[in-house]
Protein backbone atom coordinates (compact mmCIF):
# COMPACT_ATOMS: atom_id res chain seq x y z
CA UNK A 1 -6.00 11.81 -3.86
CA UNK A 2 -3.99 9.57 -1.59
CA UNK A 3 -0.33 8.99 -1.17
CA UNK A 4 1.01 5.34 -1.35
CA UNK A 5 4.66 4.77 -0.24
CA UNK A 6 6.95 1.53 -0.77
CA UNK A 7 9.18 0.84 2.41
CA UNK A 8 12.29 -1.12 2.53
CA UNK A 9 13.38 -2.80 -0.27
CA UNK A 10 10.42 -2.72 -2.22
CA UNK A 11 12.48 0.26 -3.94
CA UNK A 12 9.36 2.00 -5.79
CA UNK A 13 8.64 5.82 -5.54
CA UNK A 14 5.84 7.02 -3.76
CA UNK A 15 2.81 7.51 -5.59
CA UNK A 16 -0.37 9.55 -5.66
CA UNK A 17 -3.53 8.04 -6.83
CA UNK A 18 -7.31 8.48 -7.06
CA UNK A 19 -9.01 5.84 -4.72
CA UNK A 20 -12.25 5.44 -2.23
CA UNK A 21 -11.25 2.19 -0.67
CA UNK A 22 -7.93 -0.13 -0.30
CA UNK A 23 -9.69 -2.87 -2.43
CA UNK A 24 -9.25 -0.11 -5.21
CA UNK A 25 -5.49 0.89 -4.43
CA UNK A 26 -5.21 -3.10 -4.58
CA UNK A 27 -6.39 -3.55 -7.85
CA UNK A 28 -4.31 -0.08 -9.08
CA UNK A 29 -1.30 -1.79 -7.62
CA UNK A 30 -1.37 -4.80 -9.15
CA UNK A 31 -1.58 -3.58 -12.51
CA UNK A 32 2.29 -3.22 -11.64
CA UNK A 33 4.52 -5.88 -12.73
CA UNK A 34 7.34 -4.43 -10.39
CA UNK A 35 4.92 -4.93 -7.48
CA UNK A 36 3.11 -8.61 -7.65
CA UNK A 37 6.13 -10.49 -6.00
CA UNK A 38 5.43 -8.18 -2.79
CA UNK A 39 1.78 -7.53 -2.82
CA UNK A 40 0.93 -10.71 -0.93
CA UNK A 41 3.49 -10.72 1.53
CA UNK A 42 2.97 -7.24 2.81
CA UNK A 43 1.63 -5.43 5.41
CA UNK A 44 -0.15 -2.62 5.13
CA UNK A 45 -0.99 0.84 7.39
CA UNK A 46 -3.14 3.60 6.95
CA UNK A 47 -2.06 6.72 8.23
CA UNK A 48 0.41 4.79 10.31
CA UNK A 49 -1.89 2.47 11.74
CA UNK A 50 -2.13 -1.01 10.34
CA UNK A 51 -5.22 -2.69 8.29
CA UNK A 52 -6.24 -5.54 6.40
CA UNK A 53 -10.03 -5.01 5.62
CA UNK A 54 -9.97 -3.89 1.75
CA UNK A 55 -13.27 -2.32 2.44
CA UNK A 56 -11.49 0.37 4.47
CA UNK A 57 -13.00 3.47 3.16
CA UNK A 58 -10.01 6.33 2.29
CA UNK A 59 -10.27 10.49 2.14
CA UNK A 60 -8.37 12.82 0.27
CA UNK A 61 -5.09 13.12 1.82
CA UNK A 62 -4.37 9.82 3.46
CA UNK A 63 -1.19 7.99 3.63
CA UNK A 64 -0.80 4.45 2.92
CA UNK A 65 2.29 2.28 3.68
CA UNK A 66 3.16 -1.06 1.96
CA UNK A 67 5.27 -2.75 4.67
CA UNK A 68 7.59 -5.69 3.55
CA UNK A 69 8.18 -8.58 5.74
CA UNK A 70 11.53 -8.18 7.66
CA UNK A 71 13.69 -10.49 9.54
CA UNK A 72 15.37 -10.06 13.02
CA UNK A 73 17.15 -11.50 15.64
């Protein structure tokens, strides 16, 4: 079981799911219409390390953070 958390203005509660790769997480998240507008814009962190390869393997207890773009000055 892995945990997915959504940061910033996404406004979605964390969820747990079974997945063995980031590609599987992506496929599951794309079934949620409230997330569609965010997924292509967001960065992804696995256990606080930025990742971008959907083939990244996951293990039980991993934490995925979905990070929306931010602006700063």
